[in-house]
PDB file of N, CA and C in Angstrom:
ATOM      1  N   UNK A   1       8.317 -15.982  -2.132  1.00  0.00           N
ATOM      2  CA  UNK A   1       8.465 -15.277  -0.838  1.00  0.00           C
ATOM      3  C   UNK A   1       9.636 -15.898  -0.146  1.00  0.00           C
ATOM      4  N   UNK A   2      10.217 -15.026   0.727  1.00  0.00           N
ATOM      5  CA  UNK A   2      11.358 -15.468   1.511  1.00  0.00           C
ATOM      6  C   UNK A   2      11.005 -15.375   3.001  1.00  0.00           C
ATOM      7  N   UNK A   3      11.471 -16.384   3.757  1.00  0.00           N
ATOM      8  CA  UNK A   3      11.421 -16.312   5.209  1.00  0.00           C
ATOM      9  C   UNK A   3      12.365 -15.225   5.681  1.00  0.00           C
ATOM     10  N   UNK A   4      12.191 -14.830   6.957  1.00  0.00           N
ATOM     11  CA  UNK A   4      13.120 -13.826   7.484  1.00  0.00           C
ATOM     12  C   UNK A   4      14.573 -14.188   7.340  1.00  0.00           C
ATOM     13  N   UNK A   5      14.839 -15.487   7.437  1.00  0.00           N
ATOM     14  CA  UNK A   5      16.214 -15.997   7.296  1.00  0.00           C
ATOM     15  C   UNK A   5      16.704 -15.948   5.839  1.00  0.00           C
ATOM     16  N   UNK A   6      15.821 -15.658   4.915  1.00  0.00           N
ATOM     17  CA  UNK A   6      16.175 -15.668   3.463  1.00  0.00           C
ATOM     18  C   UNK A   6      15.856 -16.945   2.758  1.00  0.00           C
ATOM     19  N   UNK A   7      15.366 -17.932   3.507  1.00  0.00           N
ATOM     20  CA  UNK A   7      15.003 -19.232   2.954  1.00  0.00           C
ATOM     21  C   UNK A   7      13.677 -19.120   2.166  1.00  0.00           C
ATOM     22  N   UNK A   8      13.592 -19.635   0.915  1.00  0.00           N
ATOM     23  CA  UNK A   8      12.330 -19.562   0.167  1.00  0.00           C
ATOM     24  C   UNK A   8      11.261 -20.363   0.884  1.00  0.00           C
ATOM     25  N   UNK A   9      10.007 -19.867   0.811  1.00  0.00           N
ATOM     26  CA  UNK A   9       8.875 -20.509   1.427  1.00  0.00           C
ATOM     27  C   UNK A   9       7.756 -20.625   0.408  1.00  0.00           C
ATOM     28  N   UNK A  10       6.627 -21.255   0.761  1.00  0.00           N
ATOM     29  CA  UNK A  10       5.509 -21.569  -0.117  1.00  0.00           C
ATOM     30  C   UNK A  10       4.975 -20.369  -0.839  1.00  0.00           C
ATOM     31  N   UNK A  11       4.428 -20.623  -2.033  1.00  0.00           N
ATOM     32  CA  UNK A  11       3.724 -19.563  -2.766  1.00  0.00           C
ATOM     33  C   UNK A  11       2.366 -19.279  -2.201  1.00  0.00           C
ATOM     34  N   UNK A  12       1.935 -18.043  -2.175  1.00  0.00           N
ATOM     35  CA  UNK A  12       0.633 -17.641  -1.685  1.00  0.00           C
ATOM     36  C   UNK A  12      -0.469 -18.200  -2.543  1.00  0.00           C
ATOM     37  N   UNK A  13      -0.228 -18.452  -3.814  1.00  0.00           N
ATOM     38  CA  UNK A  13      -1.210 -18.901  -4.731  1.00  0.00           C
ATOM     39  C   UNK A  13      -1.963 -20.205  -4.334  1.00  0.00           C
ATOM     40  N   UNK A  14      -1.368 -21.025  -3.507  1.00  0.00           N
ATOM     41  CA  UNK A  14      -1.977 -22.263  -3.118  1.00  0.00           C
ATOM     42  C   UNK A  14      -2.967 -22.107  -1.947  1.00  0.00           C
ATOM     43  N   UNK A  15      -3.014 -20.882  -1.390  1.00  0.00           N
ATOM     44  CA  UNK A  15      -3.893 -20.602  -0.230  1.00  0.00           C
ATOM     45  C   UNK A  15      -5.129 -19.852  -0.591  1.00  0.00           C
ATOM     46  N   UNK A  16      -6.199 -19.987   0.220  1.00  0.00           N
ATOM     47  CA  UNK A  16      -7.415 -19.288   0.050  1.00  0.00           C
ATOM     48  C   UNK A  16      -7.713 -18.435   1.305  1.00  0.00           C
ATOM     49  N   UNK A  17      -8.141 -17.235   1.148  1.00  0.00           N
ATOM     50  CA  UNK A  17      -8.452 -16.365   2.291  1.00  0.00           C
ATOM     51  C   UNK A  17      -8.941 -15.039   1.795  1.00  0.00           C
ATOM     52  N   UNK A  18      -8.793 -14.029   2.620  1.00  0.00           N
ATOM     53  CA  UNK A  18      -9.249 -12.690   2.325  1.00  0.00           C
ATOM     54  C   UNK A  18      -8.177 -11.685   2.629  1.00  0.00           C
ATOM     55  N   UNK A  19      -8.197 -10.543   1.955  1.00  0.00           N
ATOM     56  CA  UNK A  19      -7.261  -9.528   2.321  1.00  0.00           C
ATOM     57  C   UNK A  19      -7.669  -8.928   3.666  1.00  0.00           C
ATOM     58  N   UNK A  20      -6.724  -8.602   4.499  1.00  0.00           N
ATOM     59  CA  UNK A  20      -7.038  -8.016   5.792  1.00  0.00           C
ATOM     60  C   UNK A  20      -7.875  -6.780   5.664  1.00  0.00           C
ATOM     61  N   UNK A  21      -7.620  -5.957   4.662  1.00  0.00           N
ATOM     62  CA  UNK A  21      -8.424  -4.715   4.529  1.00  0.00           C
ATOM     63  C   UNK A  21      -9.909  -5.071   4.238  1.00  0.00           C
ATOM     64  N   UNK A  22     -10.169  -6.158   3.547  1.00  0.00           N
ATOM     65  CA  UNK A  22     -11.569  -6.580   3.318  1.00  0.00           C
ATOM     66  C   UNK A  22     -12.228  -6.989   4.666  1.00  0.00           C
ATOM     67  N   UNK A  23     -11.484  -7.700   5.473  1.00  0.00           N
ATOM     68  CA  UNK A  23     -12.016  -8.022   6.813  1.00  0.00           C
ATOM     69  C   UNK A  23     -12.318  -6.814   7.630  1.00  0.00           C
ATOM     70  N   UNK A  24     -11.389  -5.828   7.604  1.00  0.00           N
ATOM     71  CA  UNK A  24     -11.590  -4.634   8.374  1.00  0.00           C
ATOM     72  C   UNK A  24     -12.718  -3.785   7.828  1.00  0.00           C
ATOM     73  N   UNK A  25     -12.880  -3.737   6.514  1.00  0.00           N
ATOM     74  CA  UNK A  25     -13.956  -2.997   5.891  1.00  0.00           C
ATOM     75  C   UNK A  25     -15.323  -3.654   6.243  1.00  0.00           C
ATOM     76  N   UNK A  26     -15.319  -4.962   6.246  1.00  0.00           N
ATOM     77  CA  UNK A  26     -16.596  -5.693   6.615  1.00  0.00           C
ATOM     78  C   UNK A  26     -17.018  -5.368   8.086  1.00  0.00           C
ATOM     79  N   UNK A  27     -16.033  -5.005   8.852  1.00  0.00           N
ATOM     80  CA  UNK A  27     -16.362  -4.613  10.288  1.00  0.00           C
ATOM     81  C   UNK A  27     -16.604  -3.123  10.437  1.00  0.00           C
ATOM     82  N   UNK A  28     -16.614  -2.337   9.300  1.00  0.00           N
ATOM     83  CA  UNK A  28     -16.960  -0.989   9.389  1.00  0.00           C
ATOM     84  C   UNK A  28     -15.833   0.009   9.528  1.00  0.00           C
ATOM     85  N   UNK A  29     -14.559  -0.447   9.449  1.00  0.00           N
ATOM     86  CA  UNK A  29     -13.423   0.489   9.647  1.00  0.00           C
ATOM     87  C   UNK A  29     -13.452   1.664   8.748  1.00  0.00           C
ATOM     88  N   UNK A  30     -13.703   1.458   7.481  1.00  0.00           N
ATOM     89  CA  UNK A  30     -13.648   2.553   6.495  1.00  0.00           C
ATOM     90  C   UNK A  30     -14.729   3.601   6.637  1.00  0.00           C
ATOM     91  N   UNK A  31     -15.694   3.331   7.505  1.00  0.00           N
ATOM     92  CA  UNK A  31     -16.758   4.289   7.731  1.00  0.00           C
ATOM     93  C   UNK A  31     -16.375   5.373   8.755  1.00  0.00           C
ATOM     94  N   UNK A  32     -15.247   5.157   9.462  1.00  0.00           N
ATOM     95  CA  UNK A  32     -14.751   6.132  10.385  1.00  0.00           C
ATOM     96  C   UNK A  32     -14.195   7.370   9.651  1.00  0.00           C
ATOM     97  N   UNK A  33     -14.203   8.510  10.322  1.00  0.00           N
ATOM     98  CA  UNK A  33     -13.633   9.711   9.679  1.00  0.00           C
ATOM     99  C   UNK A  33     -12.163   9.525   9.286  1.00  0.00           C
ATOM    100  N   UNK A  34     -11.796  10.044   8.167  1.00  0.00           N
ATOM    101  CA  UNK A  34     -10.462   9.880   7.675  1.00  0.00           C
ATOM    102  C   UNK A  34      -9.454  10.438   8.722  1.00  0.00           C
ATOM    103  N   UNK A  35      -9.755  11.480   9.398  1.00  0.00           N
ATOM    104  CA  UNK A  35      -8.824  12.056  10.425  1.00  0.00           C
ATOM    105  C   UNK A  35      -8.541  10.995  11.489  1.00  0.00           C
ATOM    106  N   UNK A  36      -9.463  10.160  11.816  1.00  0.00           N
ATOM    107  CA  UNK A  36      -9.215   9.046  12.771  1.00  0.00           C
ATOM    108  C   UNK A  36      -8.461   7.949  12.143  1.00  0.00           C
ATOM    109  N   UNK A  37      -8.806   7.574  10.948  1.00  0.00           N
ATOM    110  CA  UNK A  37      -8.116   6.466  10.263  1.00  0.00           C
ATOM    111  C   UNK A  37      -6.656   6.655  10.159  1.00  0.00           C
ATOM    112  N   UNK A  38      -6.217   7.875   9.876  1.00  0.00           N
ATOM    113  CA  UNK A  38      -4.816   8.144   9.741  1.00  0.00           C
ATOM    114  C   UNK A  38      -3.999   7.893  11.043  1.00  0.00           C
ATOM    115  N   UNK A  39      -4.696   7.822  12.165  1.00  0.00           N
ATOM    116  CA  UNK A  39      -4.074   7.585  13.430  1.00  0.00           C
ATOM    117  C   UNK A  39      -4.274   6.145  13.952  1.00  0.00           C
ATOM    118  N   UNK A  40      -4.830   5.277  13.104  1.00  0.00           N
ATOM    119  CA  UNK A  40      -5.108   3.908  13.532  1.00  0.00           C
ATOM    120  C   UNK A  40      -3.905   2.926  13.282  1.00  0.00           C
ATOM    121  N   UNK A  41      -3.789   1.998  14.160  1.00  0.00           N
ATOM    122  CA  UNK A  41      -2.904   0.867  13.924  1.00  0.00           C
ATOM    123  C   UNK A  41      -3.778  -0.372  14.063  1.00  0.00           C
ATOM    124  N   UNK A  42      -3.428  -1.391  13.333  1.00  0.00           N
ATOM    125  CA  UNK A  42      -4.138  -2.722  13.413  1.00  0.00           C
ATOM    126  C   UNK A  42      -3.170  -3.681  14.004  1.00  0.00           C
ATOM    127  N   UNK A  43      -3.662  -4.325  15.102  1.00  0.00           N
ATOM    128  CA  UNK A  43      -2.834  -5.287  15.830  1.00  0.00           C
ATOM    129  C   UNK A  43      -3.509  -6.651  15.648  1.00  0.00           C
ATOM    130  N   UNK A  44      -2.785  -7.562  15.031  1.00  0.00           N
ATOM    131  CA  UNK A  44      -3.238  -8.959  14.851  1.00  0.00           C
ATOM    132  C   UNK A  44      -2.530  -9.824  15.881  1.00  0.00           C
ATOM    133  N   UNK A  45      -3.219 -10.727  16.474  1.00  0.00           N
ATOM    134  CA  UNK A  45      -2.647 -11.542  17.537  1.00  0.00           C
ATOM    135  C   UNK A  45      -2.895 -13.002  17.289  1.00  0.00           C
ATOM    136  N   UNK A  46      -1.858 -13.789  17.534  1.00  0.00           N
ATOM    137  CA  UNK A  46      -2.000 -15.231  17.338  1.00  0.00           C
ATOM    138  C   UNK A  46      -2.283 -15.871  18.722  1.00  0.00           C
ATOM    139  N   UNK A  47      -2.673 -17.178  18.629  1.00  0.00           N
ATOM    140  CA  UNK A  47      -3.030 -17.908  19.885  1.00  0.00           C
ATOM    141  C   UNK A  47      -1.873 -17.952  20.870  1.00  0.00           C
ATOM    142  N   UNK A  48      -0.663 -17.796  20.428  1.00  0.00           N
ATOM    143  CA  UNK A  48       0.527 -17.858  21.295  1.00  0.00           C
ATOM    144  C   UNK A  48       0.887 -16.532  21.861  1.00  0.00           C
ATOM    145  N   UNK A  49       0.087 -15.454  21.520  1.00  0.00           N
ATOM    146  CA  UNK A  49       0.345 -14.098  22.016  1.00  0.00           C
ATOM    147  C   UNK A  49       1.219 -13.265  21.137  1.00  0.00           C
ATOM    148  N   UNK A  50       1.769 -13.875  20.113  1.00  0.00           N
ATOM    149  CA  UNK A  50       2.582 -13.093  19.116  1.00  0.00           C
ATOM    150  C   UNK A  50       1.705 -12.086  18.406  1.00  0.00           C
ATOM    151  N   UNK A  51       2.266 -10.951  18.132  1.00  0.00           N
ATOM    152  CA  UNK A  51       1.513  -9.843  17.473  1.00  0.00           C
ATOM    153  C   UNK A  51       2.206  -9.343  16.290  1.00  0.00           C
ATOM    154  N   UNK A  52       1.385  -8.996  15.282  1.00  0.00           N
ATOM    155  CA  UNK A  52       1.863  -8.308  14.044  1.00  0.00           C
ATOM    156  C   UNK A  52       1.130  -6.980  13.981  1.00  0.00           C
ATOM    157  N   UNK A  53       1.801  -5.867  13.693  1.00  0.00           N
ATOM    158  CA  UNK A  53       1.243  -4.547  13.712  1.00  0.00           C
ATOM    159  C   UNK A  53       1.335  -3.910  12.358  1.00  0.00           C
ATOM    160  N   UNK A  54       0.251  -3.273  11.912  1.00  0.00           N
ATOM    161  CA  UNK A  54       0.195  -2.590  10.625  1.00  0.00           C
ATOM    162  C   UNK A  54      -0.373  -1.175  10.908  1.00  0.00           C
ATOM    163  N   UNK A  55       0.102  -0.164  10.190  1.00  0.00           N
ATOM    164  CA  UNK A  55      -0.532   1.115  10.296  1.00  0.00           C
ATOM    165  C   UNK A  55      -1.689   1.138   9.251  1.00  0.00           C
ATOM    166  N   UNK A  56      -2.697   2.011   9.520  1.00  0.00           N
ATOM    167  CA  UNK A  56      -3.777   2.096   8.540  1.00  0.00           C
ATOM    168  C   UNK A  56      -3.206   2.541   7.166  1.00  0.00           C
ATOM    169  N   UNK A  57      -2.329   3.494   7.156  1.00  0.00           N
ATOM    170  CA  UNK A  57      -1.740   3.995   5.927  1.00  0.00           C
ATOM    171  C   UNK A  57      -1.012   2.890   5.162  1.00  0.00           C
ATOM    172  N   UNK A  58      -0.314   2.041   5.864  1.00  0.00           N
ATOM    173  CA  UNK A  58       0.395   0.980   5.260  1.00  0.00           C
ATOM    174  C   UNK A  58      -0.580  -0.045   4.579  1.00  0.00           C
ATOM    175  N   UNK A  59      -1.690  -0.332   5.237  1.00  0.00           N
ATOM    176  CA  UNK A  59      -2.623  -1.243   4.699  1.00  0.00           C
ATOM    177  C   UNK A  59      -3.468  -0.708   3.540  1.00  0.00           C
ATOM    178  N   UNK A  60      -3.841   0.554   3.585  1.00  0.00           N
ATOM    179  CA  UNK A  60      -4.719   1.141   2.644  1.00  0.00           C
ATOM    180  C   UNK A  60      -4.038   1.973   1.541  1.00  0.00           C
ATOM    181  N   UNK A  61      -2.787   2.366   1.762  1.00  0.00           N
ATOM    182  CA  UNK A  61      -2.119   3.266   0.791  1.00  0.00           C
ATOM    183  C   UNK A  61      -0.773   2.732   0.357  1.00  0.00           C
ATOM    184  N   UNK A  62      -0.505   1.486   0.461  1.00  0.00           N
ATOM    185  CA  UNK A  62       0.731   0.931  -0.012  1.00  0.00           C
ATOM    186  C   UNK A  62       0.483  -0.463  -0.548  1.00  0.00           C
ATOM    187  N   UNK A  63       1.556  -1.023  -1.166  1.00  0.00           N
ATOM    188  CA  UNK A  63       1.397  -2.445  -1.660  1.00  0.00           C
ATOM    189  C   UNK A  63       1.367  -3.466  -0.525  1.00  0.00           C
ATOM    190  N   UNK A  64       1.721  -3.100   0.655  1.00  0.00           N
ATOM    191  CA  UNK A  64       1.661  -4.053   1.777  1.00  0.00           C
ATOM    192  C   UNK A  64       0.209  -4.534   1.990  1.00  0.00           C
ATOM    193  N   UNK A  65      -0.749  -3.642   1.877  1.00  0.00           N
ATOM    194  CA  UNK A  65      -2.166  -3.963   2.074  1.00  0.00           C
ATOM    195  C   UNK A  65      -2.718  -4.942   1.005  1.00  0.00           C
ATOM    196  N   UNK A  66      -2.154  -4.946  -0.137  1.00  0.00           N
ATOM    197  CA  UNK A  66      -2.617  -5.804  -1.208  1.00  0.00           C
ATOM    198  C   UNK A  66      -2.417  -7.293  -0.845  1.00  0.00           C
ATOM    199  N   UNK A  67      -1.443  -7.574  -0.019  1.00  0.00           N
ATOM    200  CA  UNK A  67      -1.164  -8.973   0.304  1.00  0.00           C
ATOM    201  C   UNK A  67      -0.953  -9.211   1.777  1.00  0.00           C
ATOM    202  N   UNK A  68      -1.685  -8.421   2.579  1.00  0.00           N
ATOM    203  CA  UNK A  68      -1.783  -8.721   4.034  1.00  0.00           C
ATOM    204  C   UNK A  68      -3.040  -9.645   4.066  1.00  0.00           C
ATOM    205  N   UNK A  69      -2.831 -10.911   4.244  1.00  0.00           N
ATOM    206  CA  UNK A  69      -3.903 -11.936   3.996  1.00  0.00           C
ATOM    207  C   UNK A  69      -4.236 -12.719   5.254  1.00  0.00           C
ATOM    208  N   UNK A  70      -5.574 -12.965   5.391  1.00  0.00           N
ATOM    209  CA  UNK A  70      -6.080 -13.866   6.430  1.00  0.00           C
ATOM    210  C   UNK A  70      -6.416 -15.106   5.644  1.00  0.00           C
ATOM    211  N   UNK A  71      -5.682 -16.213   5.948  1.00  0.00           N
ATOM    212  CA  UNK A  71      -5.825 -17.454   5.207  1.00  0.00           C
ATOM    213  C   UNK A  71      -6.510 -18.519   5.985  1.00  0.00           C
ATOM    214  N   UNK A  72      -7.288 -19.389   5.294  1.00  0.00           N
ATOM    215  CA  UNK A  72      -8.013 -20.469   5.984  1.00  0.00           C
ATOM    216  C   UNK A  72      -8.004 -21.805   5.265  1.00  0.00           C
ATOM    217  N   UNK A  73      -7.433 -21.815   4.052  1.00  0.00           N
ATOM    218  CA  UNK A  73      -7.437 -23.052   3.236  1.00  0.00           C
ATOM    219  C   UNK A  73      -6.161 -23.091   2.368  1.00  0.00           C
ATOM    220  N   UNK A  74      -5.695 -24.344   2.151  1.00  0.00           N
ATOM    221  CA  UNK A  74      -4.562 -24.504   1.241  1.00  0.00           C
ATOM    222  C   UNK A  74      -4.900 -25.705   0.353  1.00  0.00           C
ATOM    223  N   UNK A  75      -4.803 -25.505  -1.005  1.00  0.00           N
ATOM    224  CA  UNK A  75      -5.055 -26.583  -1.942  1.00  0.00           C
ATOM    225  C   UNK A  75      -6.372 -27.260  -1.739  1.00  0.00           C
ATOM    226  N   UNK A  76      -7.408 -26.488  -1.357  1.00  0.00           N
ATOM    227  CA  UNK A  76      -8.778 -27.056  -1.190  1.00  0.00           C
ATOM    228  C   UNK A  76      -9.035 -27.726   0.114  1.00  0.00           C
ATOM    229  N   UNK A  77      -8.084 -27.706   1.013  1.00  0.00           N
ATOM    230  CA  UNK A  77      -8.235 -28.349   2.317  1.00  0.00           C
ATOM    231  C   UNK A  77      -7.933 -27.347   3.436  1.00  0.00           C
ATOM    232  N   UNK A  78      -8.393 -27.658   4.681  1.00  0.00           N
ATOM    233  CA  UNK A  78      -8.015 -26.724   5.803  1.00  0.00           C
ATOM    234  C   UNK A  78      -6.549 -26.631   5.925  1.00  0.00           C
ATOM    235  N   UNK A  79      -6.105 -25.574   6.577  1.00  0.00           N
ATOM    236  CA  UNK A  79      -4.657 -25.342   6.798  1.00  0.00           C
ATOM    237  C   UNK A  79      -4.049 -26.452   7.604  1.00  0.00           C
ATOM    238  N   UNK A  80      -2.764 -26.661   7.476  1.00  0.00           N
ATOM    239  CA  UNK A  80      -2.114 -27.713   8.311  1.00  0.00           C
ATOM    240  C   UNK A  80      -2.220 -27.268   9.786  1.00  0.00           C
ATOM    241  N   UNK A  81      -2.233 -28.252  10.676  1.00  0.00           N
ATOM    242  CA  UNK A  81      -2.502 -28.081  12.094  1.00  0.00           C
ATOM    243  C   UNK A  81      -1.554 -27.016  12.675  1.00  0.00           C
ATOM    244  N   UNK A  82      -0.269 -27.008  12.293  1.00  0.00           N
ATOM    245  CA  UNK A  82       0.655 -26.079  12.884  1.00  0.00           C
ATOM    246  C   UNK A  82       0.375 -24.629  12.559  1.00  0.00           C
ATOM    247  N   UNK A  83      -0.455 -24.319  11.495  1.00  0.00           N
ATOM    248  CA  UNK A  83      -0.819 -22.996  11.139  1.00  0.00           C
ATOM    249  C   UNK A  83      -2.101 -22.507  11.855  1.00  0.00           C
ATOM    250  N   UNK A  84      -2.853 -23.469  12.464  1.00  0.00           N
ATOM    251  CA  UNK A  84      -4.056 -23.109  13.089  1.00  0.00           C
ATOM    252  C   UNK A  84      -5.247 -23.093  12.064  1.00  0.00           C
ATOM    253  N   UNK A  85      -6.413 -22.864  12.512  1.00  0.00           N
ATOM    254  CA  UNK A  85      -7.549 -22.801  11.661  1.00  0.00           C
ATOM    255  C   UNK A  85      -7.512 -21.646  10.703  1.00  0.00           C
ATOM    256  N   UNK A  86      -7.029 -20.485  11.131  1.00  0.00           N
ATOM    257  CA  UNK A  86      -6.775 -19.392  10.264  1.00  0.00           C
ATOM    258  C   UNK A  86      -5.419 -18.799  10.658  1.00  0.00           C
ATOM    259  N   UNK A  87      -4.758 -18.192   9.681  1.00  0.00           N
ATOM    260  CA  UNK A  87      -3.482 -17.555   9.958  1.00  0.00           C
ATOM    261  C   UNK A  87      -3.383 -16.222   9.153  1.00  0.00           C
ATOM    262  N   UNK A  88      -2.409 -15.484   9.426  1.00  0.00           N
ATOM    263  CA  UNK A  88      -2.226 -14.169   8.752  1.00  0.00           C
ATOM    264  C   UNK A  88      -0.790 -14.095   8.247  1.00  0.00           C
ATOM    265  N   UNK A  89      -0.651 -13.609   7.026  1.00  0.00           N
ATOM    266  CA  UNK A  89       0.728 -13.351   6.497  1.00  0.00           C
ATOM    267  C   UNK A  89       0.690 -11.944   5.859  1.00  0.00           C
ATOM    268  N   UNK A  90       1.840 -11.367   5.776  1.00  0.00           N
ATOM    269  CA  UNK A  90       2.057 -10.125   5.063  1.00  0.00           C
ATOM    270  C   UNK A  90       2.989 -10.471   3.896  1.00  0.00           C
ATOM    271  N   UNK A  91       2.391 -10.935   2.739  1.00  0.00           N
ATOM    272  CA  UNK A  91       3.199 -11.506   1.717  1.00  0.00           C
ATOM    273  C   UNK A  91       3.978 -10.445   0.910  1.00  0.00           C
ATOM    274  N   UNK A  92       3.704  -9.208   1.038  1.00  0.00           N
ATOM    275  CA  UNK A  92       4.483  -8.176   0.309  1.00  0.00           C
ATOM    276  C   UNK A  92       5.642  -7.621   1.164  1.00  0.00           C
ATOM    277  N   UNK A  93       5.806  -8.126   2.382  1.00  0.00           N
ATOM    278  CA  UNK A  93       6.958  -7.698   3.178  1.00  0.00           C
ATOM    279  C   UNK A  93       8.200  -8.325   2.515  1.00  0.00           C
ATOM    280  N   UNK A  94       9.334  -7.680   2.614  1.00  0.00           N
ATOM    281  CA  UNK A  94      10.554  -8.202   2.078  1.00  0.00           C
ATOM    282  C   UNK A  94      10.969  -9.544   2.660  1.00  0.00           C
ATOM    283  N   UNK A  95      10.626  -9.729   3.965  1.00  0.00           N
ATOM    284  CA  UNK A  95      10.856 -11.012   4.636  1.00  0.00           C
ATOM    285  C   UNK A  95       9.579 -11.424   5.343  1.00  0.00           C
ATOM    286  N   UNK A  96       9.138 -12.682   5.209  1.00  0.00           N
ATOM    287  CA  UNK A  96       7.824 -13.082   5.665  1.00  0.00           C
ATOM    288  C   UNK A  96       7.744 -13.237   7.152  1.00  0.00           C
ATOM    289  N   UNK A  97       8.689 -13.749   7.837  1.00  0.00           N
ATOM    290  CA  UNK A  97       8.633 -14.126   9.240  1.00  0.00           C
ATOM    291  C   UNK A  97       8.005 -13.159  10.247  1.00  0.00           C
ATOM    292  N   UNK A  98       8.437 -11.923  10.312  1.00  0.00           N
ATOM    293  CA  UNK A  98       8.031 -11.067  11.383  1.00  0.00           C
ATOM    294  C   UNK A  98       6.490 -10.815  11.445  1.00  0.00           C
ATOM    295  N   UNK A  99       5.811 -10.831  10.326  1.00  0.00           N
ATOM    296  CA  UNK A  99       4.360 -10.605  10.365  1.00  0.00           C
ATOM    297  C   UNK A  99       3.588 -11.839   9.815  1.00  0.00           C
ATOM    298  N   UNK A 100       3.999 -12.997  10.250  1.00  0.00           N
ATOM    299  CA  UNK A 100       3.309 -14.298   9.993  1.00  0.00           C
ATOM    300  C   UNK A 100       2.768 -14.786  11.271  1.00  0.00           C
ATOM    301  N   UNK A 101       1.438 -14.860  11.419  1.00  0.00           N
ATOM    302  CA  UNK A 101       0.791 -15.327  12.602  1.00  0.00           C
ATOM    303  C   UNK A 101       0.137 -16.648  12.398  1.00  0.00           C
ATOM    304  N   UNK A 102       0.470 -17.592  13.181  1.00  0.00           N
ATOM    305  CA  UNK A 102      -0.199 -18.874  13.135  1.00  0.00           C
ATOM    306  C   UNK A 102      -1.303 -18.802  14.170  1.00  0.00           C
ATOM    307  N   UNK A 103      -2.437 -19.398  13.869  1.00  0.00           N
ATOM    308  CA  UNK A 103      -3.541 -19.380  14.852  1.00  0.00           C
ATOM    309  C   UNK A 103      -4.039 -18.024  15.117  1.00  0.00           C
ATOM    310  N   UNK A 104      -4.366 -17.248  14.112  1.00  0.00           N
ATOM    311  CA  UNK A 104      -4.907 -15.910  14.268  1.00  0.00           C
ATOM    312  C   UNK A 104      -6.106 -15.918  15.203  1.00  0.00           C
ATOM    313  N   UNK A 105      -6.000 -15.222  16.307  1.00  0.00           N
ATOM    314  CA  UNK A 105      -7.134 -15.288  17.298  1.00  0.00           C
ATOM    315  C   UNK A 105      -7.876 -13.935  17.421  1.00  0.00           C
ATOM    316  N   UNK A 106      -7.216 -12.831  17.039  1.00  0.00           N
ATOM    317  CA  UNK A 106      -7.874 -11.515  17.293  1.00  0.00           C
ATOM    318  C   UNK A 106      -7.208 -10.485  16.420  1.00  0.00           C
ATOM    319  N   UNK A 107      -8.044  -9.532  15.919  1.00  0.00           N
ATOM    320  CA  UNK A 107      -7.566  -8.366  15.214  1.00  0.00           C
ATOM    321  C   UNK A 107      -8.174  -7.129  15.914  1.00  0.00           C
ATOM    322  N   UNK A 108      -7.372  -6.197  16.328  1.00  0.00           N
ATOM    323  CA  UNK A 108      -7.829  -5.054  17.078  1.00  0.00           C
ATOM    324  C   UNK A 108      -7.358  -3.788  16.376  1.00  0.00           C
ATOM    325  N   UNK A 109      -8.222  -2.762  16.274  1.00  0.00           N
ATOM    326  CA  UNK A 109      -7.879  -1.507  15.728  1.00  0.00           C
ATOM    327  C   UNK A 109      -7.693  -0.549  16.908  1.00  0.00           C
ATOM    328  N   UNK A 110      -6.535   0.103  17.014  1.00  0.00           N
ATOM    329  CA  UNK A 110      -6.232   1.027  18.093  1.00  0.00           C
ATOM    330  C   UNK A 110      -5.942   2.440  17.545  1.00  0.00           C
ATOM    331  N   UNK A 111      -6.412   3.432  18.259  1.00  0.00           N
ATOM    332  CA  UNK A 111      -6.109   4.824  17.863  1.00  0.00           C
ATOM    333  C   UNK A 111      -4.845   5.241  18.602  1.00  0.00           C
ATOM    334  N   UNK A 112      -3.991   5.938  17.905  1.00  0.00           N
ATOM    335  CA  UNK A 112      -2.776   6.523  18.513  1.00  0.00           C
ATOM    336  C   UNK A 112      -3.053   7.953  18.938  1.00  0.00           C
TER     337      UNK A 112
END
């Protein structure tokens, strides 16, 4: 993976977590009518107020959703303090930085 600056960063393989779509499905998102789902955006927010935004289509119908990850562990230990207790990354983005949230605090589904 590359940082937004183009600098190589850590491999996702050393982290443990869940796909964002699995978290959303556990909350019942997929039970909504498809006509509503196509108008949904998912807004993830970090403790610092920074937000990452995904469309429903992007998460469920593209390779982005395969590696939009909510992470909580690295190499069998909790995440480093600067990442917070849980964090979010979009590892299939061409550049990692814009949708990397440290200290994930909230995930909201909004209808457009």
